[in-house]
Amino acid sequence: MMDEELSEAVKKCLKILEENIDIISDLEFTLEDEKENDLVPDLELHNLYDMTEDVAASAKLKRAESNFMRRKSEDFQQ
């Protein structure tokens, strides 16, 4: 009986996590982004391009992490 209740509790937790993983990921990304919002004087154009590429790469990594966690939670539910 206890194992069944634990199993149901875990399933409920995974469902809540799955429903909110994008929100959690976005919050984490926003908080990290705010930490990195320091103004840098006298930037050259090539520095801005490099920064843009870094931001795009970071966003891709965050999306990949989020997708990986979603797949892992789906695997765990099965």
Protein backbone atom coordinates (compact mmCIF):
# COMPACT_ATOMS: atom_id res chain seq x y z
CA MET A 1 0.00 0.00 0.00
CA MET A 2 2.80 2.41 0.93
CA ASP A 3 4.67 1.69 -2.33
CA GLU A 4 1.53 2.48 -4.32
CA GLU A 5 1.07 5.81 -2.52
CA LEU A 6 4.71 6.70 -3.08
CA SER A 7 4.41 5.79 -6.74
CA GLU A 8 1.35 8.03 -7.13
CA ALA A 9 3.08 10.90 -5.32
CA VAL A 10 6.11 10.60 -7.61
CA LYS A 11 3.87 10.56 -10.69
CA LYS A 12 2.08 13.70 -9.48
CA CYS A 13 5.39 15.46 -8.83
CA LEU A 14 6.70 14.52 -12.28
CA LYS A 15 3.51 15.78 -13.91
CA ILE A 16 3.80 19.11 -12.10
CA LEU A 17 7.47 19.36 -13.08
CA GLU A 18 6.70 18.51 -16.69
CA GLU A 19 3.96 21.14 -16.83
CA ASN A 20 6.25 23.81 -15.40
CA ILE A 21 9.68 22.93 -16.82
CA ASP A 22 9.56 25.71 -19.43
CA ILE A 23 8.63 28.30 -16.81
CA ILE A 24 11.40 27.13 -14.49
CA SER A 25 13.91 27.13 -17.33
CA ASP A 26 12.86 30.62 -18.42
CA LEU A 27 13.19 31.91 -14.84
CA GLU A 28 16.65 30.43 -14.51
CA PHE A 29 17.71 31.90 -17.84
CA THR A 30 16.27 35.32 -16.91
CA LEU A 31 18.08 35.34 -13.57
CA GLU A 32 21.37 34.36 -15.20
CA ASP A 33 20.81 36.96 -17.90
CA GLU A 34 20.22 39.70 -15.32
CA LYS A 35 23.52 38.86 -13.64
CA GLU A 36 25.30 39.37 -16.95
CA ASN A 37 23.66 42.70 -17.80
CA ASP A 38 26.64 44.84 -16.84
CA LEU A 39 27.26 47.72 -19.20
CA VAL A 40 30.63 47.72 -20.91
CA PRO A 41 31.78 51.08 -22.28
CA ASP A 42 33.42 51.50 -25.69
CA LEU A 43 32.39 48.20 -27.26
CA GLU A 44 33.48 47.62 -30.82
CA LEU A 45 31.03 46.23 -33.37
CA HIS A 46 32.86 42.88 -33.52
CA ASN A 47 32.47 42.57 -29.73
CA LEU A 48 28.71 42.98 -30.11
CA TYR A 49 28.64 40.27 -32.78
CA ASP A 50 30.63 37.95 -30.50
CA MET A 51 28.27 38.65 -27.62
CA THR A 52 25.26 37.94 -29.84
CA GLU A 53 26.74 34.59 -30.85
CA ASP A 54 27.40 33.77 -27.18
CA VAL A 55 23.81 34.58 -26.24
CA ALA A 56 22.47 32.44 -29.10
CA ALA A 57 24.71 29.52 -28.07
CA SER A 58 23.63 29.88 -24.46
CA ALA A 59 19.95 29.86 -25.45
CA LYS A 60 20.50 26.71 -27.52
CA LEU A 61 22.19 24.99 -24.57
CA LYS A 62 19.37 25.95 -22.21
CA ARG A 63 16.78 24.67 -24.69
CA ALA A 64 18.74 21.42 -25.10
CA GLU A 65 18.94 21.00 -21.32
CA SER A 66 15.22 21.61 -20.99
CA ASN A 67 14.41 19.12 -23.74
CA PHE A 68 16.74 16.55 -22.17
CA MET A 69 15.07 16.92 -18.77
CA ARG A 70 11.64 16.60 -20.37
CA ARG A 71 12.68 13.38 -22.13
CA LYS A 72 14.17 12.01 -18.91
CA SER A 73 10.97 12.72 -17.00
CA GLU A 74 8.94 11.02 -19.75
CA ASP A 75 11.25 7.98 -19.61
CA PHE A 76 10.88 7.87 -15.82
CA GLN A 77 7.09 7.91 -16.07
CA GLN A 78 7.05 4.91 -18.38
